[in-house]
């Protein structure tokens, strides 16, 4: 039987029904405009975030919208991820929504908002499977870190040059294919020659093992994406790559 009405095919029903994936506590007397910003981020509502943020900026300073709206929302998303309520699709949508709102606020400010620290992420040279990297990006941003996303299939030399240029607190690499994870060791060797000691967290598919990653200098095994923000926090506080490796890999 042919379909007569196509209007609902692309509807996100988690936005129009009471979704089991989230719960939003609404408190009487709260700033309702700012609450809408928070809810847009939690729900990953890309369709409405621009209008909602612009409305919030009519009554609030851009910095307030960032810290009391966008970042509050993404912190709640981080909690939902940690508790196993949110999965990859919801987390990525929320991250994208937050970034759209952040760009609007930064344009109004005329400068980027100051971040807690800097992280560089990439997917290994020869590997195009970047879902793991996208998740790490979302979780790091949820923790307030500036993420310099180099993308997928990134040559070793590009990663090293980015580290030299941006001087990140932490470097993250993902690889789903065991034949591509050898690039992590090459990056470590090149950084060591340059005298750079940045914590280098590596994770990915089953071929990326603890023994392999801890077998080269700077290497720290990231068993789960949820560890990335915690490791970044430790790095920002000045913990060495050896200290982070001992804390998470031993």
Protein backbone atom coordinates (compact mmCIF):
# COMPACT_ATOMS: atom_id res chain seq x y z
CA UNK A 1 0.00 0.00 0.00
CA UNK A 2 1.55 3.35 -1.02
CA UNK A 3 2.32 5.93 1.65
CA UNK A 4 0.08 8.99 1.33
CA UNK A 5 1.56 11.19 4.04
CA UNK A 6 5.35 11.64 4.32
CA UNK A 7 5.25 14.51 6.81
CA UNK A 8 6.15 12.43 9.87
CA UNK A 9 8.99 10.37 8.40
CA UNK A 10 11.73 12.69 9.66
CA UNK A 11 10.09 13.73 12.93
CA UNK A 12 12.21 13.27 16.06
CA UNK A 13 9.62 11.75 18.34
CA UNK A 14 11.87 12.12 21.38
CA UNK A 15 11.28 15.89 21.04
CA UNK A 16 7.50 15.72 20.76
CA UNK A 17 6.78 13.00 23.32
CA UNK A 18 7.92 12.31 26.87
CA UNK A 19 11.13 10.46 26.04
CA UNK A 20 12.43 7.76 28.40
CA UNK A 21 15.98 8.94 27.65
CA UNK A 22 15.94 12.11 29.69
CA UNK A 23 14.24 13.93 32.53
CA UNK A 24 14.25 17.70 32.89
CA UNK A 25 13.54 19.22 36.28
CA UNK A 26 11.65 22.48 35.90
CA UNK A 27 11.60 24.70 38.97
CA UNK A 28 9.07 27.50 39.47
CA UNK A 29 10.70 30.91 39.41
CA UNK A 30 13.63 29.86 37.22
CA UNK A 31 14.65 32.02 34.28
CA UNK A 32 12.38 30.44 31.69
CA UNK A 33 14.33 31.86 28.75
CA UNK A 34 17.58 30.36 30.02
CA UNK A 35 15.78 27.12 30.85
CA UNK A 36 14.80 26.83 27.20
CA UNK A 37 18.48 27.09 26.22
CA UNK A 38 19.36 24.31 28.66
CA UNK A 39 16.56 22.10 27.38
CA UNK A 40 17.52 22.67 23.74
CA UNK A 41 21.02 21.41 24.45
CA UNK A 42 19.85 18.41 26.48
CA UNK A 43 17.43 17.42 23.75
CA UNK A 44 19.86 18.10 20.91
CA UNK A 45 17.24 20.38 19.38
CA UNK A 46 19.14 21.75 16.39
CA UNK A 47 15.95 23.04 14.78
CA UNK A 48 15.27 25.57 17.54
CA UNK A 49 18.63 26.37 19.17
CA UNK A 50 19.33 29.45 17.03
CA UNK A 51 15.98 31.08 17.81
CA UNK A 52 16.20 30.16 21.51
CA UNK A 53 19.73 31.50 21.98
CA UNK A 54 18.95 34.73 20.12
CA UNK A 55 15.91 35.19 22.35
CA UNK A 56 18.07 34.62 25.45
CA UNK A 57 20.60 37.19 24.22
CA UNK A 58 17.88 39.85 24.13
CA UNK A 59 17.75 39.75 27.94
CA UNK A 60 21.11 38.27 28.97
CA UNK A 61 24.82 38.84 28.49
CA UNK A 62 26.44 36.34 26.07
CA UNK A 63 28.70 35.04 28.85
CA UNK A 64 25.65 34.32 31.02
CA UNK A 65 23.97 32.45 28.16
CA UNK A 66 27.12 30.38 27.70
CA UNK A 67 27.72 29.49 31.34
CA UNK A 68 24.17 29.42 32.71
CA UNK A 69 22.55 27.95 29.61
CA UNK A 70 24.70 26.10 27.11
CA UNK A 71 27.27 24.68 29.51
CA UNK A 72 24.67 23.73 32.12
CA UNK A 73 22.86 21.80 29.43
CA UNK A 74 25.93 19.96 28.19
CA UNK A 75 26.99 19.09 31.75
CA UNK A 76 23.61 17.43 32.21
CA UNK A 77 24.21 15.52 28.97
CA UNK A 78 27.56 14.37 30.37
CA UNK A 79 25.78 13.08 33.48
CA UNK A 80 23.20 11.25 31.37
CA UNK A 81 26.04 9.62 29.42
CA UNK A 82 27.86 8.57 32.59
CA UNK A 83 24.69 6.97 33.94
CA UNK A 84 24.07 5.05 30.72
CA UNK A 85 20.85 6.94 29.93
CA UNK A 86 22.22 8.68 26.87
CA UNK A 87 23.99 6.88 24.04
CA UNK A 88 26.09 8.08 21.11
CA UNK A 89 23.29 9.65 18.98
CA UNK A 90 21.87 11.79 21.79
CA UNK A 91 25.32 12.85 22.99
CA UNK A 92 26.50 13.89 19.52
CA UNK A 93 23.29 15.81 18.81
CA UNK A 94 23.59 17.65 22.13
CA UNK A 95 27.22 18.52 21.42
CA UNK A 96 26.39 19.85 17.96
CA UNK A 97 23.52 21.90 19.40
CA UNK A 98 25.76 23.39 22.07
CA UNK A 99 28.37 24.35 19.46
CA UNK A 100 25.76 26.17 17.35
CA UNK A 101 24.65 28.17 20.37
CA UNK A 102 28.24 28.84 21.41
CA UNK A 103 29.11 30.25 17.98
CA UNK A 104 26.18 32.69 18.20
CA UNK A 105 27.28 33.87 21.65
CA UNK A 106 30.93 34.19 20.64
CA UNK A 107 29.96 36.24 17.59
CA UNK A 108 28.04 38.59 19.89
CA UNK A 109 31.05 38.77 22.23
CA UNK A 110 33.47 39.33 19.37
CA UNK A 111 35.89 36.71 20.73
CA UNK A 112 35.94 33.04 21.74
CA UNK A 113 35.00 32.21 25.33
CA UNK A 114 37.89 31.07 27.49
CA UNK A 115 38.06 27.30 27.85
CA UNK A 116 39.35 25.20 30.75
CA UNK A 117 42.04 23.61 28.62
CA UNK A 118 42.95 22.41 25.13
CA UNK A 119 42.70 18.91 23.67
CA UNK A 120 43.67 17.72 20.21
CA UNK A 121 41.81 14.70 18.82
CA UNK A 122 42.24 12.66 15.67
CA UNK A 123 41.47 9.32 14.06
CA UNK A 124 44.57 7.40 12.99
CA UNK A 125 46.10 7.68 9.55
CA UNK A 126 44.45 5.19 7.20
CA UNK A 127 41.33 4.91 9.39
CA UNK A 128 38.01 6.55 8.49
CA UNK A 129 36.00 5.17 11.42
CA UNK A 130 35.65 8.30 13.56
CA UNK A 131 32.58 7.66 15.73
CA UNK A 132 34.80 7.04 18.74
CA UNK A 133 36.58 10.32 18.14
CA UNK A 134 33.28 12.20 17.82
CA UNK A 135 32.19 10.82 21.17
CA UNK A 136 35.46 11.85 22.82
CA UNK A 137 35.02 15.33 21.31
CA UNK A 138 31.51 15.63 22.75
CA UNK A 139 32.55 14.52 26.24
CA UNK A 140 35.60 16.80 26.32
CA UNK A 141 33.51 19.77 25.21
CA UNK A 142 30.96 18.89 27.86
CA UNK A 143 33.75 19.26 30.41
CA UNK A 144 34.66 22.71 29.13
CA UNK A 145 37.71 21.86 27.03
CA UNK A 146 38.48 23.43 23.68
CA UNK A 147 38.69 20.57 21.21
CA UNK A 148 40.87 20.89 18.13
CA UNK A 149 39.41 18.17 15.92
CA UNK A 150 41.88 17.12 13.22
CA UNK A 151 39.36 14.71 11.71
CA UNK A 152 39.86 11.18 10.38
CA UNK A 153 42.69 9.52 8.45
CA UNK A 154 45.13 12.14 9.76
CA UNK A 155 48.79 11.83 8.68
CA UNK A 156 51.30 11.46 11.50
CA UNK A 157 53.10 14.66 10.50
CA UNK A 158 49.88 16.67 10.70
CA UNK A 159 49.24 15.50 14.25
CA UNK A 160 52.77 16.37 15.36
CA UNK A 161 52.61 19.82 13.77
CA UNK A 162 49.26 20.48 15.45
CA UNK A 163 50.72 19.59 18.84
CA UNK A 164 53.67 21.92 18.26
CA UNK A 165 51.34 24.73 17.17
CA UNK A 166 48.56 24.48 19.77
CA UNK A 167 50.47 23.06 22.77
CA UNK A 168 47.50 21.04 24.07
CA UNK A 169 47.07 19.71 27.58
CA UNK A 170 46.26 16.31 26.10
CA UNK A 171 46.38 14.51 22.75
CA UNK A 172 43.79 11.84 21.91
CA UNK A 173 43.85 9.29 19.11
CA UNK A 174 41.34 6.64 18.08
CA UNK A 175 41.69 3.67 15.72
CA UNK A 176 39.19 0.96 14.88
CA UNK A 177 41.57 -0.97 12.63
CA UNK A 178 44.56 -2.74 14.14
CA UNK A 179 46.54 -2.09 10.95
CA UNK A 180 46.31 1.68 11.54
CA UNK A 181 47.22 1.90 15.22
CA UNK A 182 50.92 1.77 14.39
CA UNK A 183 50.67 5.48 13.60
CA UNK A 184 50.26 6.14 17.33
CA UNK A 185 53.76 4.83 17.98
CA UNK A 186 55.16 6.92 15.11
CA UNK A 187 53.55 10.04 16.61
CA UNK A 188 55.07 9.22 19.98
CA UNK A 189 58.52 8.79 18.44
CA UNK A 190 58.32 12.08 16.54
CA UNK A 191 57.08 14.00 19.58
CA UNK A 192 59.88 12.53 21.69
CA UNK A 193 62.47 13.65 19.15
CA UNK A 194 60.97 17.15 19.39
CA UNK A 195 61.25 17.00 23.19
CA UNK A 196 57.47 17.22 23.64
CA UNK A 197 55.93 15.29 26.53
CA UNK A 198 52.17 15.54 26.10
CA UNK A 199 49.88 12.81 27.51
CA UNK A 200 48.80 10.79 24.48
CA UNK A 201 45.57 8.88 25.14
CA UNK A 202 44.79 6.17 22.58
CA UNK A 203 41.70 4.01 22.24
CA UNK A 204 39.40 2.40 19.72
CA UNK A 205 38.64 -1.10 18.52
CA UNK A 206 39.63 -4.44 19.98
CA UNK A 207 43.03 -4.36 18.29
CA UNK A 208 44.04 -1.32 20.31
CA UNK A 209 45.28 -2.99 23.47
CA UNK A 210 46.71 -1.92 26.80
CA UNK A 211 50.00 -3.71 26.14
CA UNK A 212 50.49 -2.04 22.78
CA UNK A 213 49.69 1.52 23.89
CA UNK A 214 51.74 1.33 27.07
CA UNK A 215 54.61 -0.11 25.06
CA UNK A 216 55.71 3.31 23.80
CA UNK A 217 56.58 6.62 25.43
CA UNK A 218 53.67 9.03 26.15
CA UNK A 219 51.10 6.31 25.44
CA UNK A 220 48.09 6.00 27.77
CA UNK A 221 45.41 3.42 27.08
CA UNK A 222 41.88 4.84 27.00
CA UNK A 223 39.68 1.85 27.69
CA UNK A 224 36.48 3.91 27.48
CA UNK A 225 35.63 7.31 26.00
CA UNK A 226 34.17 8.41 29.33
CA UNK A 227 37.70 8.50 30.77
CA UNK A 228 38.83 11.24 28.36
CA UNK A 229 37.52 14.20 30.42
CA UNK A 230 38.99 12.80 33.64
CA UNK A 231 42.39 12.29 32.00
CA UNK A 232 42.21 15.78 30.48
CA UNK A 233 41.47 17.24 33.91
CA UNK A 234 44.50 15.45 35.37
CA UNK A 235 46.69 16.69 32.52
CA UNK A 236 45.44 20.25 32.97
CA UNK A 237 46.33 20.07 36.66
CA UNK A 238 49.88 19.21 35.66
CA UNK A 239 49.96 15.43 36.06
CA UNK A 240 52.62 13.91 33.81
CA UNK A 241 51.86 11.29 31.21
CA UNK A 242 53.58 8.73 33.46
CA UNK A 243 51.32 9.70 36.35
CA UNK A 244 48.17 9.46 34.23
CA UNK A 245 49.29 6.08 32.89
CA UNK A 246 49.87 4.78 36.43
CA UNK A 247 46.46 6.08 37.55
CA UNK A 248 44.41 4.57 34.74
CA UNK A 249 46.47 1.69 33.33
CA UNK A 250 47.90 -0.06 36.38
